[in-house]
Amino acid sequence: MRSCYHQRMAATAGPALLDEEGAAFVQGGVSIVAASRDAALVPSIGRAVGCRVAADRRRVTVFVAASQAPELVADLRACGRIAVVFSRPSTHRTLQLKGDDAVVRPLAGGETAIPECYVGGFAEDIGKLGHTEAQARTLVAAVDGDLLAIDFTPSAAFEQTPGPNAGAPLPPPR
């Protein structure tokens, strides 16, 4: 039943909420934290180790280590509600995407390269703050066999960079 619901949600999704620049940002070397909640509304979080945005920018995939986020994975499987924060540590620029049709699945062919590329970009960004690549790799460590993909359709997108526009919906892409 749940998978049928998700197929309907994806098929009836509205316009993309990310423009090309926003899609590039969330796929870059940013800090990514995904969150959900259980039936009692108790939150769960997990650090993601990469992101892929579909060519039409209507679907987003984030990658998590199952062993590091078991509650998040369980909650997403149970309710499908997700909020993901993408923040560049060197500038604090931050975007948030929310969805209610998240699906957890094993990685597909070719997706294993995304987390490795992500780690390099993340290490480069936090290097600007004096951190080493080893520190970056420790923070976002994930073993290939432990990774899961989480696909979702953003239903809301927000500017979350600290300042007067924090919390404002992103403007529609042109």
C-alpha atoms as a PDB file:
ATOM      1  CA  MET A   1       0.000   0.000   0.000  1.00  0.00           C
ATOM      2  CA  ARG A   2       2.748   2.439   0.995  1.00  0.00           C
ATOM      3  CA  SER A   3       4.673   1.990  -2.256  1.00  0.00           C
ATOM      4  CA  CYS A   4       1.508   2.682  -4.281  1.00  0.00           C
ATOM      5  CA  TYR A   5       1.047   5.907  -2.311  1.00  0.00           C
ATOM      6  CA  HIS A   6       4.607   6.962  -3.105  1.00  0.00           C
ATOM      7  CA  GLN A   7       4.178   6.219  -6.787  1.00  0.00           C
ATOM      8  CA  ARG A   8       1.048   8.414  -6.845  1.00  0.00           C
ATOM      9  CA  MET A   9       2.863  11.221  -5.002  1.00  0.00           C
ATOM     10  CA  ALA A  10       5.770  11.192  -7.465  1.00  0.00           C
ATOM     11  CA  ALA A  11       3.440  11.057 -10.472  1.00  0.00           C
ATOM     12  CA  THR A  12       1.390  14.043  -9.283  1.00  0.00           C
ATOM     13  CA  ALA A  13       4.282  16.133  -8.014  1.00  0.00           C
ATOM     14  CA  GLY A  14       4.052  19.825  -8.741  1.00  0.00           C
ATOM     15  CA  PRO A  15       6.767  21.964 -10.257  1.00  0.00           C
ATOM     16  CA  ALA A  16      10.369  21.659  -9.141  1.00  0.00           C
ATOM     17  CA  LEU A  17      11.141  23.708  -6.031  1.00  0.00           C
ATOM     18  CA  LEU A  18      14.873  24.011  -6.698  1.00  0.00           C
ATOM     19  CA  ASP A  19      16.371  26.102  -9.463  1.00  0.00           C
ATOM     20  CA  GLU A  20      19.610  24.989 -11.148  1.00  0.00           C
ATOM     21  CA  GLU A  21      21.784  26.887  -8.672  1.00  0.00           C
ATOM     22  CA  GLY A  22      19.900  25.416  -5.697  1.00  0.00           C
ATOM     23  CA  ALA A  23      20.258  21.910  -7.132  1.00  0.00           C
ATOM     24  CA  ALA A  24      24.004  22.456  -7.570  1.00  0.00           C
ATOM     25  CA  PHE A  25      24.260  23.771  -4.005  1.00  0.00           C
ATOM     26  CA  VAL A  26      22.596  20.751  -2.345  1.00  0.00           C
ATOM     27  CA  GLN A  27      24.770  18.394  -4.401  1.00  0.00           C
ATOM     28  CA  GLY A  28      27.993  20.204  -3.455  1.00  0.00           C
ATOM     29  CA  GLY A  29      30.268  19.874  -0.428  1.00  0.00           C
ATOM     30  CA  VAL A  30      27.651  20.899   2.101  1.00  0.00           C
ATOM     31  CA  SER A  31      26.770  19.455   5.482  1.00  0.00           C
ATOM     32  CA  ILE A  32      23.605  17.373   5.061  1.00  0.00           C
ATOM     33  CA  VAL A  33      21.375  16.335   7.961  1.00  0.00           C
ATOM     34  CA  ALA A  34      18.138  14.431   7.421  1.00  0.00           C
ATOM     35  CA  ALA A  35      15.359  14.189   9.994  1.00  0.00           C
ATOM     36  CA  SER A  36      12.045  12.442  10.469  1.00  0.00           C
ATOM     37  CA  ARG A  37       9.837  11.444  13.392  1.00  0.00           C
ATOM     38  CA  ASP A  38       8.123   8.415  14.833  1.00  0.00           C
ATOM     39  CA  ALA A  39       4.418   7.858  15.536  1.00  0.00           C
ATOM     40  CA  ALA A  40       4.776   9.631  18.915  1.00  0.00           C
ATOM     41  CA  LEU A  41       6.363  12.635  17.100  1.00  0.00           C
ATOM     42  CA  VAL A  42       9.800  11.923  18.621  1.00  0.00           C
ATOM     43  CA  PRO A  43      12.387  13.223  16.142  1.00  0.00           C
ATOM     44  CA  SER A  44      15.191  11.207  14.590  1.00  0.00           C
ATOM     45  CA  ILE A  45      18.176  12.534  12.664  1.00  0.00           C
ATOM     46  CA  GLY A  46      21.108  11.279  10.659  1.00  0.00           C
ATOM     47  CA  ARG A  47      23.984  12.778   8.746  1.00  0.00           C
ATOM     48  CA  ALA A  48      23.761  12.192   5.014  1.00  0.00           C
ATOM     49  CA  VAL A  49      26.829  11.571   2.890  1.00  0.00           C
ATOM     50  CA  GLY A  50      25.776  12.978  -0.434  1.00  0.00           C
ATOM     51  CA  CYS A  51      22.846  14.069  -2.535  1.00  0.00           C
ATOM     52  CA  ARG A  52      21.610  13.630  -6.078  1.00  0.00           C
ATOM     53  CA  VAL A  53      18.908  15.761  -7.678  1.00  0.00           C
ATOM     54  CA  ALA A  54      16.992  14.364 -10.662  1.00  0.00           C
ATOM     55  CA  ALA A  55      17.475  16.081 -14.003  1.00  0.00           C
ATOM     56  CA  ASP A  56      13.998  17.627 -13.776  1.00  0.00           C
ATOM     57  CA  ARG A  57      14.784  18.717 -10.159  1.00  0.00           C
ATOM     58  CA  ARG A  58      11.530  17.170  -8.875  1.00  0.00           C
ATOM     59  CA  ARG A  59      13.106  14.252  -6.962  1.00  0.00           C
ATOM     60  CA  VAL A  60      15.993  14.298  -4.510  1.00  0.00           C
ATOM     61  CA  THR A  61      18.050  11.405  -3.188  1.00  0.00           C
ATOM     62  CA  VAL A  62      20.207  11.590  -0.066  1.00  0.00           C
ATOM     63  CA  PHE A  63      22.513   8.827   1.129  1.00  0.00           C
ATOM     64  CA  VAL A  64      22.855   7.691   4.749  1.00  0.00           C
ATOM     65  CA  ALA A  65      24.823   5.035   6.595  1.00  0.00           C
ATOM     66  CA  ALA A  66      22.205   2.646   7.993  1.00  0.00           C
ATOM     67  CA  SER A  67      24.341   1.806  11.038  1.00  0.00           C
ATOM     68  CA  GLN A  68      24.652   5.482  11.970  1.00  0.00           C
ATOM     69  CA  ALA A  69      20.972   6.388  11.582  1.00  0.00           C
ATOM     70  CA  PRO A  70      18.823   3.342  12.453  1.00  0.00           C
ATOM     71  CA  GLU A  71      16.012   5.388  14.029  1.00  0.00           C
ATOM     72  CA  LEU A  72      15.873   7.738  11.045  1.00  0.00           C
ATOM     73  CA  VAL A  73      15.693   4.810   8.620  1.00  0.00           C
ATOM     74  CA  ALA A  74      12.957   3.118  10.671  1.00  0.00           C
ATOM     75  CA  ASP A  75      10.950   6.342  10.950  1.00  0.00           C
ATOM     76  CA  LEU A  76      11.215   7.057   7.227  1.00  0.00           C
ATOM     77  CA  ARG A  77      10.056   3.543   6.409  1.00  0.00           C
ATOM     78  CA  ALA A  78       7.105   3.970   8.775  1.00  0.00           C
ATOM     79  CA  CYS A  79       5.914   7.470   7.871  1.00  0.00           C
ATOM     80  CA  GLY A  80       7.771   8.776   4.797  1.00  0.00           C
ATOM     81  CA  ARG A  81       8.072  12.310   6.222  1.00  0.00           C
ATOM     82  CA  ILE A  82      11.498  13.901   5.823  1.00  0.00           C
ATOM     83  CA  ALA A  83      13.213  17.244   6.333  1.00  0.00           C
ATOM     84  CA  VAL A  84      16.749  17.700   5.024  1.00  0.00           C
ATOM     85  CA  VAL A  85      19.028  20.619   5.845  1.00  0.00           C
ATOM     86  CA  PHE A  86      21.908  21.481   3.507  1.00  0.00           C
ATOM     87  CA  SER A  87      24.428  23.927   4.983  1.00  0.00           C
ATOM     88  CA  ARG A  88      27.810  25.129   3.730  1.00  0.00           C
ATOM     89  CA  PRO A  89      30.002  25.325   6.863  1.00  0.00           C
ATOM     90  CA  SER A  90      32.334  28.019   5.483  1.00  0.00           C
ATOM     91  CA  THR A  91      29.489  30.482   4.784  1.00  0.00           C
ATOM     92  CA  HIS A  92      26.526  29.158   6.811  1.00  0.00           C
ATOM     93  CA  ARG A  93      24.369  29.319   3.681  1.00  0.00           C
ATOM     94  CA  THR A  94      21.555  26.865   4.403  1.00  0.00           C
ATOM     95  CA  LEU A  95      18.564  25.449   2.539  1.00  0.00           C
ATOM     96  CA  GLN A  96      15.911  23.058   3.835  1.00  0.00           C
ATOM     97  CA  LEU A  97      13.768  20.649   1.814  1.00  0.00           C
ATOM     98  CA  LYS A  98      10.741  18.811   3.177  1.00  0.00           C
ATOM     99  CA  GLY A  99       8.779  15.925   1.739  1.00  0.00           C
ATOM    100  CA  ASP A 100       6.221  13.367   2.774  1.00  0.00           C
ATOM    101  CA  ASP A 101       6.907  10.537   0.328  1.00  0.00           C
ATOM    102  CA  ALA A 102      10.410   9.384   1.319  1.00  0.00           C
ATOM    103  CA  VAL A 103      11.349   5.870   0.281  1.00  0.00           C
ATOM    104  CA  VAL A 104      14.403   4.061   1.682  1.00  0.00           C
ATOM    105  CA  ARG A 105      16.146   1.668  -0.713  1.00  0.00           C
ATOM    106  CA  PRO A 106      19.506   0.027  -1.396  1.00  0.00           C
ATOM    107  CA  LEU A 107      21.937   1.918  -3.615  1.00  0.00           C
ATOM    108  CA  ALA A 108      21.529   1.384  -7.348  1.00  0.00           C
ATOM    109  CA  GLY A 109      24.375   0.884  -9.794  1.00  0.00           C
ATOM    110  CA  GLY A 110      26.617   3.913 -10.099  1.00  0.00           C
ATOM    111  CA  GLU A 111      25.399   5.571  -6.902  1.00  0.00           C
ATOM    112  CA  THR A 112      28.354   4.416  -4.800  1.00  0.00           C
ATOM    113  CA  ALA A 113      30.536   7.109  -6.409  1.00  0.00           C
ATOM    114  CA  ILE A 114      28.301   9.940  -5.141  1.00  0.00           C
ATOM    115  CA  PRO A 115      29.278   9.667  -1.433  1.00  0.00           C
ATOM    116  CA  GLU A 116      33.008   9.549  -2.262  1.00  0.00           C
ATOM    117  CA  CYS A 117      32.746  12.658  -4.422  1.00  0.00           C
ATOM    118  CA  TYR A 118      30.677  14.322  -1.694  1.00  0.00           C
ATOM    119  CA  VAL A 119      33.318  13.655   0.975  1.00  0.00           C
ATOM    120  CA  GLY A 120      35.956  15.378  -1.151  1.00  0.00           C
ATOM    121  CA  GLY A 121      33.806  18.494  -1.573  1.00  0.00           C
ATOM    122  CA  PHE A 122      32.873  18.553   2.109  1.00  0.00           C
ATOM    123  CA  ALA A 123      36.539  18.175   3.104  1.00  0.00           C
ATOM    124  CA  GLU A 124      37.463  21.066   0.811  1.00  0.00           C
ATOM    125  CA  ASP A 125      34.856  23.335   2.359  1.00  0.00           C
ATOM    126  CA  ILE A 126      35.682  22.611   6.004  1.00  0.00           C
ATOM    127  CA  GLY A 127      39.364  22.877   5.070  1.00  0.00           C
ATOM    128  CA  LYS A 128      38.676  26.608   4.675  1.00  0.00           C
ATOM    129  CA  LEU A 129      37.908  26.569   8.404  1.00  0.00           C
ATOM    130  CA  GLY A 130      41.165  24.813   9.328  1.00  0.00           C
ATOM    131  CA  HIS A 131      39.913  21.222   9.429  1.00  0.00           C
ATOM    132  CA  THR A 132      41.794  18.382   7.782  1.00  0.00           C
ATOM    133  CA  GLU A 133      40.559  15.919   5.201  1.00  0.00           C
ATOM    134  CA  ALA A 134      40.968  13.181   7.826  1.00  0.00           C
ATOM    135  CA  GLN A 135      38.594  15.052  10.114  1.00  0.00           C
ATOM    136  CA  ALA A 136      36.067  15.400   7.294  1.00  0.00           C
ATOM    137  CA  ARG A 137      36.305  11.708   6.457  1.00  0.00           C
ATOM    138  CA  THR A 138      35.817  10.806  10.127  1.00  0.00           C
ATOM    139  CA  LEU A 139      32.729  13.019  10.393  1.00  0.00           C
ATOM    140  CA  VAL A 140      31.040  11.647   7.289  1.00  0.00           C
ATOM    141  CA  ALA A 141      32.481   8.125   7.261  1.00  0.00           C
ATOM    142  CA  ALA A 142      30.356   5.494   5.575  1.00  0.00           C
ATOM    143  CA  VAL A 143      31.112   2.013   4.306  1.00  0.00           C
ATOM    144  CA  ASP A 144      29.736   1.177   0.855  1.00  0.00           C
ATOM    145  CA  GLY A 145      27.739  -1.854   2.033  1.00  0.00           C
ATOM    146  CA  ASP A 146      26.183   0.200   4.842  1.00  0.00           C
ATOM    147  CA  LEU A 147      24.789   2.967   2.641  1.00  0.00           C
ATOM    148  CA  LEU A 148      21.124   3.419   1.830  1.00  0.00           C
ATOM    149  CA  ALA A 149      19.433   5.831  -0.562  1.00  0.00           C
ATOM    150  CA  ILE A 150      16.438   7.935   0.453  1.00  0.00           C
ATOM    151  CA  ASP A 151      14.357   9.250  -2.454  1.00  0.00           C
ATOM    152  CA  PHE A 152      11.757  11.963  -1.925  1.00  0.00           C
ATOM    153  CA  THR A 153       9.809  14.659  -3.710  1.00  0.00           C
ATOM    154  CA  PRO A 154      10.342  18.067  -2.104  1.00  0.00           C
ATOM    155  CA  SER A 155       6.962  19.518  -1.195  1.00  0.00           C
ATOM    156  CA  ALA A 156       8.415  22.592   0.544  1.00  0.00           C
ATOM    157  CA  ALA A 157      11.739  24.406   0.291  1.00  0.00           C
ATOM    158  CA  PHE A 158      13.060  27.103   2.601  1.00  0.00           C
ATOM    159  CA  GLU A 159      15.918  29.557   2.909  1.00  0.00           C
ATOM    160  CA  GLN A 160      17.503  28.829   6.294  1.00  0.00           C
ATOM    161  CA  THR A 161      20.667  30.912   6.137  1.00  0.00           C
ATOM    162  CA  PRO A 162      20.902  32.864   9.398  1.00  0.00           C
ATOM    163  CA  GLY A 163      19.537  36.355   8.860  1.00  0.00           C
ATOM    164  CA  PRO A 164      16.333  38.198   8.023  1.00  0.00           C
ATOM    165  CA  ASN A 165      15.201  35.709   5.342  1.00  0.00           C
ATOM    166  CA  ALA A 166      15.632  32.560   7.435  1.00  0.00           C
ATOM    167  CA  GLY A 167      12.465  30.493   7.226  1.00  0.00           C
ATOM    168  CA  ALA A 168      11.223  32.109   4.022  1.00  0.00           C
ATOM    169  CA  PRO A 169      10.054  29.786   1.241  1.00  0.00           C
ATOM    170  CA  LEU A 170      12.445  29.613  -1.693  1.00  0.00           C
ATOM    171  CA  PRO A 171      11.204  31.625  -4.667  1.00  0.00           C
ATOM    172  CA  PRO A 172       9.861  29.506  -7.542  1.00  0.00           C
ATOM    173  CA  PRO A 173      12.520  28.515 -10.110  1.00  0.00           C
ATOM    174  CA  ARG A 174      12.427  30.436 -13.373  1.00  0.00           C
END
